[in-house]
Amino acid sequence: MNLLHMCPICGYDELELPVRDNFSHNICPSCRTHLGYTDSSEEFSFEEMHLQLRQKWIDNGMPWRSSVDRIPIDWNPKRQLENLLSYLLKKSNNPAISDGV
């Protein structure tokens, strides 16, 4: 699991650029979120936007959204989401963990 390259929405961990301080210009091929743009809001925090975008992706059946990048052979949206949620739980229990996700 590559935490620096993990999408904070769906947990896909092979983003091209590292995600730092909730800012990057990655477009996640899994959930198609444009990080640093789609997750920006004057009304909500990044964490709140991430929750909303994650729930929307889940509600839509966790599809592979990219029409350009091929679905990895071993891609498993449930596993990547479980990895993300496990990481977020650990992070919430230990504020010293900080990597930008």
N, C-alpha and C. Protein backbone atom coordinates (compact mmCIF):
# COMPACT_ATOMS: atom_id res chain seq x y z
N MET A 1 0.86 -1.18 0.00
CA MET A 1 0.00 0.00 0.00
C MET A 1 0.90 1.23 0.00
N ASN A 2 0.68 2.11 -0.97
CA ASN A 2 1.47 3.32 -1.12
C ASN A 2 0.66 4.51 -0.61
N LEU A 3 0.90 4.92 0.62
CA LEU A 3 0.09 5.98 1.24
C LEU A 3 0.25 7.33 0.56
N LEU A 4 1.45 7.65 0.09
CA LEU A 4 1.66 8.95 -0.55
C LEU A 4 0.94 9.07 -1.89
N HIS A 5 0.62 7.95 -2.50
CA HIS A 5 -0.04 7.95 -3.80
C HIS A 5 -1.44 7.38 -3.71
N MET A 6 -2.06 7.48 -2.51
CA MET A 6 -3.39 6.93 -2.29
C MET A 6 -4.46 8.00 -2.43
N CYS A 7 -5.49 7.68 -3.18
CA CYS A 7 -6.63 8.59 -3.32
C CYS A 7 -7.40 8.63 -2.01
N PRO A 8 -7.64 9.83 -1.47
CA PRO A 8 -8.37 9.93 -0.21
C PRO A 8 -9.87 9.68 -0.34
N ILE A 9 -10.33 9.48 -1.56
CA ILE A 9 -11.75 9.20 -1.79
C ILE A 9 -12.01 7.70 -1.82
N CYS A 10 -11.25 6.99 -2.67
CA CYS A 10 -11.55 5.57 -2.90
C CYS A 10 -10.44 4.61 -2.47
N GLY A 11 -9.25 5.13 -2.16
CA GLY A 11 -8.16 4.28 -1.71
C GLY A 11 -7.27 3.73 -2.80
N TYR A 12 -7.52 4.08 -4.06
CA TYR A 12 -6.62 3.65 -5.14
C TYR A 12 -5.23 4.17 -4.81
N ASP A 13 -4.22 3.29 -4.79
CA ASP A 13 -2.91 3.71 -4.29
C ASP A 13 -1.80 3.74 -5.34
N GLU A 14 -2.20 3.98 -6.57
CA GLU A 14 -1.20 4.10 -7.63
C GLU A 14 -1.34 5.40 -8.40
N LEU A 15 -1.69 6.49 -7.70
CA LEU A 15 -1.79 7.78 -8.36
C LEU A 15 -0.42 8.21 -8.86
N GLU A 16 -0.43 8.96 -9.94
CA GLU A 16 0.82 9.38 -10.57
C GLU A 16 1.64 10.30 -9.67
N LEU A 17 0.98 11.25 -9.03
CA LEU A 17 1.66 12.22 -8.18
C LEU A 17 1.31 11.96 -6.72
N PRO A 18 2.23 12.29 -5.81
CA PRO A 18 1.89 12.13 -4.39
C PRO A 18 0.79 13.09 -3.97
N VAL A 19 -0.02 12.65 -3.03
CA VAL A 19 -1.09 13.49 -2.48
C VAL A 19 -0.53 14.09 -1.19
N ARG A 20 -0.40 15.39 -1.15
CA ARG A 20 0.17 16.07 0.02
C ARG A 20 -0.75 17.21 0.45
N ASP A 21 -1.03 17.24 1.74
CA ASP A 21 -1.82 18.33 2.30
C ASP A 21 -3.11 18.58 1.53
N ASN A 22 -3.76 17.48 1.14
CA ASN A 22 -5.04 17.55 0.43
C ASN A 22 -4.95 18.35 -0.86
N PHE A 23 -3.77 18.39 -1.46
CA PHE A 23 -3.61 19.14 -2.70
C PHE A 23 -2.75 18.36 -3.67
N SER A 24 -3.26 18.10 -4.79
CA SER A 24 -2.51 17.55 -5.91
C SER A 24 -3.38 17.76 -7.13
N HIS A 25 -2.83 17.52 -8.26
CA HIS A 25 -3.65 17.62 -9.46
C HIS A 25 -3.78 16.26 -10.12
N ASN A 26 -3.82 15.24 -9.29
CA ASN A 26 -4.11 13.89 -9.77
C ASN A 26 -5.58 13.79 -10.14
N ILE A 27 -5.84 13.00 -11.14
CA ILE A 27 -7.20 12.58 -11.41
C ILE A 27 -7.20 11.08 -11.19
N CYS A 28 -7.91 10.64 -10.19
CA CYS A 28 -7.92 9.23 -9.84
C CYS A 28 -8.66 8.44 -10.91
N PRO A 29 -8.01 7.42 -11.49
CA PRO A 29 -8.70 6.64 -12.51
C PRO A 29 -9.82 5.77 -11.94
N SER A 30 -9.73 5.45 -10.67
CA SER A 30 -10.72 4.59 -10.04
C SER A 30 -12.04 5.33 -9.81
N CYS A 31 -12.00 6.45 -9.11
CA CYS A 31 -13.24 7.18 -8.78
C CYS A 31 -13.42 8.45 -9.63
N ARG A 32 -12.40 8.81 -10.38
CA ARG A 32 -12.39 9.95 -11.30
C ARG A 32 -12.46 11.31 -10.58
N THR A 33 -12.05 11.34 -9.34
CA THR A 33 -11.99 12.61 -8.61
C THR A 33 -10.73 13.36 -9.01
N HIS A 34 -10.88 14.62 -9.34
CA HIS A 34 -9.74 15.50 -9.63
C HIS A 34 -9.35 16.14 -8.30
N LEU A 35 -8.33 15.55 -7.67
CA LEU A 35 -7.92 16.00 -6.34
C LEU A 35 -7.35 17.41 -6.42
N GLY A 36 -7.76 18.25 -5.47
CA GLY A 36 -7.36 19.64 -5.48
C GLY A 36 -8.34 20.51 -6.26
N TYR A 37 -9.34 19.89 -6.87
CA TYR A 37 -10.34 20.64 -7.63
C TYR A 37 -11.74 20.15 -7.27
N THR A 38 -12.05 18.89 -7.61
CA THR A 38 -13.37 18.34 -7.32
C THR A 38 -13.64 18.31 -5.81
N ASP A 39 -12.58 18.13 -5.02
CA ASP A 39 -12.76 18.02 -3.57
C ASP A 39 -12.60 19.35 -2.85
N SER A 40 -12.57 20.46 -3.60
CA SER A 40 -12.46 21.79 -2.99
C SER A 40 -13.84 22.39 -2.81
N SER A 41 -14.02 23.08 -1.70
CA SER A 41 -15.31 23.70 -1.42
C SER A 41 -15.11 24.84 -0.43
N GLU A 42 -15.83 25.91 -0.63
CA GLU A 42 -15.79 27.00 0.35
C GLU A 42 -16.69 26.67 1.54
N GLU A 43 -17.63 25.78 1.32
CA GLU A 43 -18.62 25.44 2.34
C GLU A 43 -18.19 24.29 3.24
N PHE A 44 -17.42 23.33 2.69
CA PHE A 44 -17.05 22.13 3.43
C PHE A 44 -15.54 21.96 3.51
N SER A 45 -15.08 21.30 4.55
CA SER A 45 -13.65 20.97 4.68
C SER A 45 -13.30 19.87 3.68
N PHE A 46 -11.99 19.66 3.47
CA PHE A 46 -11.56 18.56 2.60
C PHE A 46 -12.10 17.24 3.13
N GLU A 47 -12.04 17.04 4.45
CA GLU A 47 -12.50 15.79 5.03
C GLU A 47 -13.98 15.56 4.75
N GLU A 48 -14.78 16.62 4.88
CA GLU A 48 -16.21 16.50 4.60
C GLU A 48 -16.47 16.23 3.12
N MET A 49 -15.72 16.91 2.26
CA MET A 49 -15.86 16.67 0.82
C MET A 49 -15.45 15.25 0.47
N HIS A 50 -14.37 14.77 1.10
CA HIS A 50 -13.92 13.41 0.83
C HIS A 50 -14.99 12.40 1.24
N LEU A 51 -15.61 12.62 2.39
CA LEU A 51 -16.69 11.73 2.83
C LEU A 51 -17.85 11.73 1.84
N GLN A 52 -18.24 12.92 1.39
CA GLN A 52 -19.35 13.02 0.44
C GLN A 52 -19.03 12.35 -0.89
N LEU A 53 -17.82 12.62 -1.41
CA LEU A 53 -17.42 12.03 -2.68
C LEU A 53 -17.26 10.51 -2.57
N ARG A 54 -16.72 10.05 -1.43
CA ARG A 54 -16.57 8.62 -1.21
C ARG A 54 -17.94 7.93 -1.18
N GLN A 55 -18.88 8.54 -0.46
CA GLN A 55 -20.21 7.94 -0.36
C GLN A 55 -20.90 7.90 -1.72
N LYS A 56 -20.71 8.94 -2.51
CA LYS A 56 -21.29 8.97 -3.86
C LYS A 56 -20.71 7.84 -4.72
N TRP A 57 -19.39 7.63 -4.63
CA TRP A 57 -18.73 6.56 -5.39
C TRP A 57 -19.25 5.19 -4.94
N ILE A 58 -19.39 5.01 -3.62
CA ILE A 58 -19.91 3.75 -3.07
C ILE A 58 -21.36 3.54 -3.53
N ASP A 59 -22.19 4.58 -3.40
CA ASP A 59 -23.60 4.47 -3.79
C ASP A 59 -23.77 4.11 -5.26
N ASN A 60 -22.79 4.52 -6.08
CA ASN A 60 -22.84 4.20 -7.52
C ASN A 60 -22.24 2.84 -7.84
N GLY A 61 -21.90 2.05 -6.83
CA GLY A 61 -21.41 0.70 -7.04
C GLY A 61 -19.90 0.57 -7.15
N MET A 62 -19.15 1.60 -6.79
CA MET A 62 -17.69 1.62 -6.81
C MET A 62 -17.12 1.23 -8.18
N PRO A 63 -17.61 1.88 -9.25
CA PRO A 63 -17.15 1.51 -10.59
C PRO A 63 -15.75 2.07 -10.89
N TRP A 64 -15.07 1.45 -11.84
CA TRP A 64 -13.83 2.00 -12.40
C TRP A 64 -14.28 3.11 -13.33
N ARG A 65 -13.85 4.34 -13.08
CA ARG A 65 -14.38 5.49 -13.80
C ARG A 65 -13.58 5.93 -15.02
N SER A 66 -12.32 5.56 -15.09
CA SER A 66 -11.49 6.04 -16.19
C SER A 66 -11.89 5.39 -17.50
N SER A 67 -11.97 6.21 -18.53
CA SER A 67 -12.19 5.68 -19.87
C SER A 67 -10.87 5.60 -20.63
N VAL A 68 -9.79 6.08 -20.01
CA VAL A 68 -8.47 6.09 -20.62
C VAL A 68 -7.59 4.99 -20.04
N ASP A 69 -7.51 4.93 -18.72
CA ASP A 69 -6.69 3.92 -18.04
C ASP A 69 -7.45 2.61 -17.94
N ARG A 70 -6.79 1.54 -18.30
CA ARG A 70 -7.42 0.22 -18.21
C ARG A 70 -7.55 -0.23 -16.76
N ILE A 71 -8.57 -0.99 -16.49
CA ILE A 71 -8.76 -1.55 -15.16
C ILE A 71 -7.62 -2.53 -14.89
N PRO A 72 -6.90 -2.35 -13.78
CA PRO A 72 -5.85 -3.33 -13.45
C PRO A 72 -6.45 -4.72 -13.29
N ILE A 73 -5.71 -5.72 -13.72
CA ILE A 73 -6.18 -7.10 -13.68
C ILE A 73 -6.63 -7.51 -12.28
N ASP A 74 -5.87 -7.11 -11.28
CA ASP A 74 -6.18 -7.51 -9.91
C ASP A 74 -6.94 -6.43 -9.13
N TRP A 75 -7.57 -5.49 -9.85
CA TRP A 75 -8.25 -4.38 -9.18
C TRP A 75 -9.43 -4.89 -8.37
N ASN A 76 -9.50 -4.44 -7.12
CA ASN A 76 -10.56 -4.85 -6.22
C ASN A 76 -11.01 -3.62 -5.44
N PRO A 77 -12.10 -2.97 -5.84
CA PRO A 77 -12.51 -1.74 -5.18
C PRO A 77 -12.83 -1.92 -3.70
N LYS A 78 -13.36 -3.07 -3.34
CA LYS A 78 -13.67 -3.30 -1.91
C LYS A 78 -12.40 -3.35 -1.09
N ARG A 79 -11.38 -4.03 -1.62
CA ARG A 79 -10.11 -4.13 -0.89
C ARG A 79 -9.43 -2.76 -0.77
N GLN A 80 -9.44 -1.98 -1.86
CA GLN A 80 -8.78 -0.67 -1.78
C GLN A 80 -9.53 0.25 -0.81
N LEU A 81 -10.85 0.15 -0.78
CA LEU A 81 -11.62 0.96 0.16
C LEU A 81 -11.36 0.51 1.59
N GLU A 82 -11.29 -0.79 1.82
CA GLU A 82 -10.98 -1.31 3.16
C GLU A 82 -9.61 -0.82 3.62
N ASN A 83 -8.62 -0.82 2.72
CA ASN A 83 -7.28 -0.32 3.05
C ASN A 83 -7.33 1.16 3.45
N LEU A 84 -8.08 1.94 2.68
CA LEU A 84 -8.20 3.37 2.99
C LEU A 84 -8.88 3.58 4.34
N LEU A 85 -9.99 2.90 4.57
CA LEU A 85 -10.73 3.08 5.82
C LEU A 85 -9.91 2.61 7.02
N SER A 86 -9.16 1.55 6.86
CA SER A 86 -8.27 1.07 7.92
C SER A 86 -7.21 2.12 8.22
N TYR A 87 -6.62 2.68 7.18
CA TYR A 87 -5.61 3.73 7.36
C TYR A 87 -6.22 4.95 8.06
N LEU A 88 -7.40 5.39 7.62
CA LEU A 88 -8.03 6.57 8.21
C LEU A 88 -8.36 6.34 9.68
N LEU A 89 -8.76 5.13 10.03
CA LEU A 89 -9.04 4.80 11.43
C LEU A 89 -7.76 4.88 12.25
N LYS A 90 -6.67 4.31 11.75
CA LYS A 90 -5.38 4.39 12.45
C LYS A 90 -4.95 5.84 12.61
N LYS A 91 -5.14 6.62 11.55
CA LYS A 91 -4.74 8.03 11.58
C LYS A 91 -5.57 8.81 12.60
N SER A 92 -6.85 8.50 12.70
CA SER A 92 -7.70 9.22 13.66
C SER A 92 -7.34 8.86 15.11
N ASN A 93 -6.80 7.65 15.30
CA ASN A 93 -6.38 7.23 16.64
C ASN A 93 -4.97 7.66 16.99
N ASN A 94 -4.23 8.15 15.99
CA ASN A 94 -2.86 8.59 16.22
C ASN A 94 -2.61 9.85 15.41
N PRO A 95 -2.85 11.03 15.99
CA PRO A 95 -2.69 12.30 15.28
C PRO A 95 -1.27 12.54 14.75
N ALA A 96 -0.30 11.78 15.23
CA ALA A 96 1.09 11.96 14.74
C ALA A 96 1.25 11.45 13.32
N ILE A 97 0.30 10.60 12.85
CA ILE A 97 0.38 10.08 11.50
C ILE A 97 -0.09 11.18 10.56
N SER A 98 0.79 11.56 9.64
CA SER A 98 0.43 12.58 8.66
C SER A 98 1.19 12.34 7.39
N ASP A 99 0.47 12.14 6.31
CA ASP A 99 1.12 11.92 5.03
C ASP A 99 0.41 12.59 3.87
N GLY A 100 -0.59 13.40 4.19
CA GLY A 100 -1.30 14.12 3.15
C GLY A 100 -2.60 13.48 2.69
N VAL A 101 -2.86 12.24 3.08
CA VAL A 101 -4.10 11.59 2.63
C VAL A 101 -5.25 12.10 3.46
